């Protein structure tokens, strides 16, 4: 898909409708954006503010860096599916000897980030287009740090993959819910209203537990293959340790919430590193 075609499609996106969550929920994306914004170099922060101002002219209800972080999901809520594959990559894995199939879309999240980076970096990009692609970048850098946006589990029960936990159901609070949705909400950590105030409070709490120094060299690792591999490690090593149609125990909840918070923090720090590089 060339940039001219994408540009023409964006003409459609003048309004947005109520949000349905398909990745980290809105609050999660706002926290990731807030962590990133706080770690931008001062001159980069000024450039970002200018880009955001153009976004606000078209989307007055999402006129901040934090709010534009969940804009891409509003497109999906309007059944605009052109960019759906940009939110994930289905790297297959199995633990029962099932045949691994190539189920990775060409226009996946890694493809999208790699194609958006030069658009953000190029100083002659149209300001409105740059703003929209910045919104996508903020969002999908967050997405790729949600383990279930990097894998698809294949087994006898899911011979074509479970679509990142969207076909894998568990039980929680007397409900039968998707494993994907459970992790989108940070196993309850992010289950609050998506307000700027809640984003500030949660940002402070998460960065207090997991400051940038906690991650060491990981923060400056911008290799997208490494990010995907980290998701696989978390998925295989922990996310899928709860059996389908079963209720996760307290140990799963406690450890899972820590993993979710760490991933949110790491996504924010890495987004800052990426934007500092692209806009310096």
Protein backbone atom coordinates (compact mmCIF):
# COMPACT_ATOMS: atom_id res chain seq x y z
CA UNK A 1 0.00 0.00 0.00
CA UNK A 2 1.63 3.28 -1.05
CA UNK A 3 1.53 6.47 0.96
CA UNK A 4 -0.57 8.28 -1.66
CA UNK A 5 -3.33 5.67 -1.31
CA UNK A 6 -3.21 5.89 2.48
CA UNK A 7 -3.36 9.68 2.27
CA UNK A 8 -6.50 9.55 0.14
CA UNK A 9 -8.15 7.17 2.58
CA UNK A 10 -7.59 9.53 5.45
CA UNK A 11 -9.94 12.04 3.80
CA UNK A 12 -12.72 9.82 5.14
CA UNK A 13 -11.71 10.22 8.75
CA UNK A 14 -13.30 13.55 9.72
CA UNK A 15 -15.34 12.32 12.66
CA UNK A 16 -15.16 9.54 15.21
CA UNK A 17 -17.72 7.52 17.08
CA UNK A 18 -17.72 5.88 20.55
CA UNK A 19 -14.80 3.58 21.12
CA UNK A 20 -14.59 -0.17 21.29
CA UNK A 21 -11.39 -1.51 22.80
CA UNK A 22 -9.26 -3.77 20.64
CA UNK A 23 -5.82 -3.39 22.21
CA UNK A 24 -4.64 -1.99 25.51
CA UNK A 25 -7.82 -0.20 26.52
CA UNK A 26 -8.03 3.62 26.13
CA UNK A 27 -6.58 4.28 29.58
CA UNK A 28 -3.66 1.96 28.87
CA UNK A 29 -2.83 3.80 25.67
CA UNK A 30 -3.09 7.15 27.45
CA UNK A 31 -0.68 6.01 30.17
CA UNK A 32 1.83 4.77 27.59
CA UNK A 33 1.59 8.10 25.76
CA UNK A 34 1.98 10.03 29.01
CA UNK A 35 5.10 8.09 30.00
CA UNK A 36 6.56 8.73 26.56
CA UNK A 37 5.72 12.44 26.59
CA UNK A 38 7.41 12.89 29.97
CA UNK A 39 10.62 11.40 28.56
CA UNK A 40 10.84 13.37 25.32
CA UNK A 41 13.75 15.72 24.84
CA UNK A 42 12.56 19.34 25.28
CA UNK A 43 13.06 20.25 21.61
CA UNK A 44 11.30 17.05 20.53
CA UNK A 45 8.44 17.79 22.90
CA UNK A 46 7.95 21.15 21.16
CA UNK A 47 7.85 19.45 17.76
CA UNK A 48 5.35 16.91 19.04
CA UNK A 49 3.16 19.66 20.47
CA UNK A 50 3.07 21.36 17.08
CA UNK A 51 2.15 18.11 15.32
CA UNK A 52 -0.56 17.45 17.89
CA UNK A 53 -2.02 20.91 17.29
CA UNK A 54 -2.80 19.92 13.69
CA UNK A 55 -4.51 16.76 14.90
CA UNK A 56 -6.64 18.83 17.26
CA UNK A 57 -7.88 20.99 14.39
CA UNK A 58 -9.51 17.96 12.79
CA UNK A 59 -10.38 16.08 15.97
CA UNK A 60 -11.16 18.67 18.68
CA UNK A 61 -12.26 15.96 21.11
CA UNK A 62 -8.82 14.37 20.93
CA UNK A 63 -6.62 17.43 21.06
CA UNK A 64 -3.86 16.10 23.30
CA UNK A 65 -0.97 13.69 22.84
CA UNK A 66 -2.60 11.34 25.35
CA UNK A 67 -6.03 11.35 23.70
CA UNK A 68 -4.78 10.82 20.17
CA UNK A 69 -3.12 7.62 21.43
CA UNK A 70 -6.41 5.71 21.14
CA UNK A 71 -7.67 7.36 17.94
CA UNK A 72 -6.79 4.36 15.70
CA UNK A 73 -9.28 2.22 17.61
CA UNK A 74 -12.05 4.74 16.86
CA UNK A 75 -11.56 3.93 13.18
CA UNK A 76 -12.15 0.26 13.86
CA UNK A 77 -15.26 1.15 15.85
CA UNK A 78 -16.58 2.78 12.66
CA UNK A 79 -15.93 -0.46 10.74
CA UNK A 80 -13.00 1.13 8.90
CA UNK A 81 -10.97 -2.06 8.57
CA UNK A 82 -8.23 -0.89 6.18
CA UNK A 83 -5.71 -0.57 9.00
CA UNK A 84 -6.85 -3.45 11.22
CA UNK A 85 -3.78 -5.61 10.53
CA UNK A 86 -1.53 -2.78 11.67
CA UNK A 87 -2.41 -3.53 15.31
CA UNK A 88 -0.86 -7.00 15.61
CA UNK A 89 1.32 -9.75 14.21
CA UNK A 90 0.21 -13.38 14.52
CA UNK A 91 3.43 -15.28 15.14
CA UNK A 92 2.27 -18.88 15.59
CA UNK A 93 3.29 -21.15 18.43
CA UNK A 94 2.07 -24.46 19.81
CA UNK A 95 2.64 -26.67 22.82
CA UNK A 96 0.92 -29.86 21.65
CA UNK A 97 2.81 -30.65 18.48
CA UNK A 98 0.23 -29.09 16.16
CA UNK A 99 1.46 -28.08 12.73
CA UNK A 100 2.62 -24.47 12.64
CA UNK A 101 1.09 -22.58 9.73
CA UNK A 102 2.13 -19.28 8.23
CA UNK A 103 -0.70 -17.04 9.43
CA UNK A 104 1.22 -13.75 9.50
CA UNK A 105 -0.34 -10.96 7.45
CA UNK A 106 2.02 -8.98 5.21
CA UNK A 107 0.74 -5.62 6.49
CA UNK A 108 1.27 -6.43 10.15
CA UNK A 109 2.29 -4.27 13.10
CA UNK A 110 6.02 -4.55 12.37
CA UNK A 111 5.42 -3.59 8.72
CA UNK A 112 3.30 -0.64 9.84
CA UNK A 113 5.82 0.76 12.31
CA UNK A 114 8.64 0.46 9.79
CA UNK A 115 6.57 2.30 7.17
CA UNK A 116 5.39 5.02 9.53
CA UNK A 117 8.83 5.92 10.89
CA UNK A 118 10.09 7.68 7.73
CA UNK A 119 6.80 9.58 7.45
CA UNK A 120 7.30 11.01 10.94
CA UNK A 121 10.96 11.73 10.31
CA UNK A 122 10.58 13.45 6.92
CA UNK A 123 10.44 17.19 7.55
CA UNK A 124 8.36 17.92 4.45
CA UNK A 125 5.50 15.56 5.30
CA UNK A 126 2.15 17.33 5.21
CA UNK A 127 1.42 18.43 8.79
CA UNK A 128 -2.04 16.86 8.93
CA UNK A 129 -0.83 13.55 7.54
CA UNK A 130 2.13 13.56 9.91
CA UNK A 131 -0.28 14.08 12.82
CA UNK A 132 -2.44 11.12 11.83
CA UNK A 133 0.54 8.85 11.39
CA UNK A 134 1.93 10.02 14.73
CA UNK A 135 -1.36 8.92 16.30
CA UNK A 136 -0.94 5.52 14.69
CA UNK A 137 2.66 5.25 15.85
CA UNK A 138 1.80 6.13 19.44
CA UNK A 139 -0.96 3.56 19.40
CA UNK A 140 0.71 0.59 17.77
CA UNK A 141 3.99 0.94 19.66
CA UNK A 142 1.74 0.40 22.66
CA UNK A 143 -0.03 -2.51 20.99
CA UNK A 144 3.14 -4.43 20.20
CA UNK A 145 3.97 -4.52 23.91
CA UNK A 146 0.70 -6.32 24.71
CA UNK A 147 1.81 -9.98 24.47
CA UNK A 148 -1.36 -11.10 22.71
CA UNK A 149 -0.72 -8.66 19.88
CA UNK A 150 2.36 -10.66 18.91
CA UNK A 151 1.21 -14.30 18.90
CA UNK A 152 -1.45 -16.77 17.86
CA UNK A 153 -1.79 -20.04 19.72
CA UNK A 154 -2.21 -23.15 17.56
CA UNK A 155 -3.44 -26.43 19.01
CA UNK A 156 -5.87 -29.25 18.35
CA UNK A 157 -8.61 -26.91 19.57
CA UNK A 158 -7.31 -23.97 17.51
CA UNK A 159 -5.82 -25.49 14.33
CA UNK A 160 -5.78 -22.10 12.57
CA UNK A 161 -4.73 -20.12 15.62
CA UNK A 162 -6.69 -18.41 18.39
CA UNK A 163 -6.24 -14.92 16.91
CA UNK A 164 -4.15 -13.61 19.78
CA UNK A 165 -6.42 -14.92 22.50
CA UNK A 166 -9.63 -13.66 20.86
CA UNK A 167 -10.92 -17.22 20.47
CA UNK A 168 -9.48 -18.38 23.80
CA UNK A 169 -12.00 -17.89 26.59
CA UNK A 170 -11.51 -17.91 30.35
CA UNK A 171 -13.83 -17.25 33.28
CA UNK A 172 -13.51 -14.19 35.48
CA UNK A 173 -15.99 -12.46 37.79
CA UNK A 174 -18.68 -14.94 36.76
CA UNK A 175 -18.23 -14.06 33.10
CA UNK A 176 -16.86 -15.97 30.14
CA UNK A 177 -14.42 -13.53 28.54
CA UNK A 178 -11.71 -13.53 25.92
CA UNK A 179 -8.17 -13.94 27.19
CA UNK A 180 -7.26 -11.06 24.87
CA UNK A 181 -9.76 -8.72 26.49
CA UNK A 182 -8.53 -9.75 29.93
CA UNK A 183 -5.01 -8.65 29.07
CA UNK A 184 -6.20 -5.50 27.28
CA UNK A 185 -7.48 -4.38 30.67
CA UNK A 186 -4.20 -5.25 32.36
CA UNK A 187 -5.99 -8.01 34.31
CA UNK A 188 -7.94 -5.24 36.05
CA UNK A 189 -5.09 -2.75 36.47
CA UNK A 190 -6.42 -0.55 33.66
CA UNK A 191 -10.10 -1.04 34.42
CA UNK A 192 -10.86 2.64 35.08
CA UNK A 193 -12.37 5.52 33.13
CA UNK A 194 -10.11 6.91 30.40
CA UNK A 195 -9.73 10.39 31.86
CA UNK A 196 -6.64 12.58 31.88
CA UNK A 197 -6.74 12.57 35.67
CA UNK A 198 -6.75 8.76 35.89
CA UNK A 199 -3.97 8.61 33.33
CA UNK A 200 -1.81 10.93 35.42
CA UNK A 201 -2.42 8.96 38.62
CA UNK A 202 -1.74 5.60 37.00
CA UNK A 203 1.32 6.92 35.18
CA UNK A 204 2.81 8.03 38.49
CA UNK A 205 2.05 4.69 40.12
CA UNK A 206 3.50 2.59 37.30
CA UNK A 207 6.63 4.68 36.77
CA UNK A 208 7.25 4.65 40.51
CA UNK A 209 7.30 0.84 40.41
CA UNK A 210 9.12 0.64 37.08
CA UNK A 211 11.31 3.69 36.46
CA UNK A 212 13.27 3.93 33.25
CA UNK A 213 16.43 2.68 34.98
CA UNK A 214 14.63 -0.58 35.84
CA UNK A 215 14.81 -1.67 32.19
CA UNK A 216 18.41 -0.73 31.49
CA UNK A 217 19.39 -1.21 27.84
CA UNK A 218 15.93 -2.49 26.92
CA UNK A 219 14.69 1.10 26.70
CA UNK A 220 17.09 1.91 23.85
CA UNK A 221 16.46 -1.37 22.00
CA UNK A 222 14.42 -0.34 18.95
CA UNK A 223 14.70 -3.68 17.14
CA UNK A 224 11.08 -4.60 16.45
CA UNK A 225 11.96 -8.27 16.16
CA UNK A 226 13.15 -8.15 19.77
CA UNK A 227 9.85 -6.57 20.82
CA UNK A 228 7.92 -9.38 19.14
CA UNK A 229 10.18 -12.00 20.71
CA UNK A 230 9.54 -10.50 24.15
CA UNK A 231 5.82 -10.84 23.51
CA UNK A 232 6.28 -14.48 22.61
CA UNK A 233 8.26 -15.11 25.79
CA UNK A 234 5.53 -13.54 27.91
CA UNK A 235 2.77 -15.36 26.03
CA UNK A 236 4.32 -18.81 26.19
CA UNK A 237 5.82 -18.40 29.65
CA UNK A 238 2.86 -16.85 31.37
CA UNK A 239 -0.19 -15.56 29.48
CA UNK A 240 -1.38 -19.01 28.39
CA UNK A 241 -0.69 -20.74 31.71
CA UNK A 242 -4.38 -20.31 32.53
CA UNK A 243 -6.36 -23.11 30.89
CA UNK A 244 -9.21 -22.35 28.53
CA UNK A 245 -12.61 -22.00 30.24
CA UNK A 246 -10.96 -21.91 33.66
CA UNK A 247 -10.73 -19.13 36.26
CA UNK A 248 -7.25 -17.69 36.81
CA UNK A 249 -6.00 -18.09 40.37
CA UNK A 250 -4.66 -15.31 42.57
CA UNK A 251 -1.03 -16.04 41.68
CA UNK A 252 -1.85 -15.66 37.98
CA UNK A 253 -3.61 -12.35 38.63
CA UNK A 254 -0.80 -10.98 40.79
CA UNK A 255 2.02 -11.88 38.41
CA UNK A 256 -0.01 -11.02 35.31
CA UNK A 257 -0.73 -7.53 36.59
CA UNK A 258 2.97 -6.98 37.20
CA UNK A 259 3.75 -8.10 33.65
CA UNK A 260 1.06 -5.82 32.22
CA UNK A 261 2.34 -2.82 34.18
CA UNK A 262 5.93 -3.53 33.13
CA UNK A 263 4.90 -3.76 29.50
CA UNK A 264 2.98 -0.48 29.68
CA UNK A 265 6.00 1.24 31.23
CA UNK A 266 8.46 -0.25 28.74
CA UNK A 267 6.22 0.73 25.81
CA UNK A 268 6.17 4.32 27.04
CA UNK A 269 9.93 4.56 27.49
CA UNK A 270 10.60 2.96 24.11
CA UNK A 271 8.11 5.25 22.39
CA UNK A 272 10.00 8.21 23.83
CA UNK A 273 13.32 6.78 22.61
CA UNK A 274 11.86 6.27 19.14
CA UNK A 275 10.38 9.76 18.88
CA UNK A 276 13.57 11.35 20.22
CA UNK A 277 15.41 9.59 17.42
CA UNK A 278 12.91 10.37 14.66
CA UNK A 279 12.35 14.03 15.54
CA UNK A 280 15.80 15.09 16.65
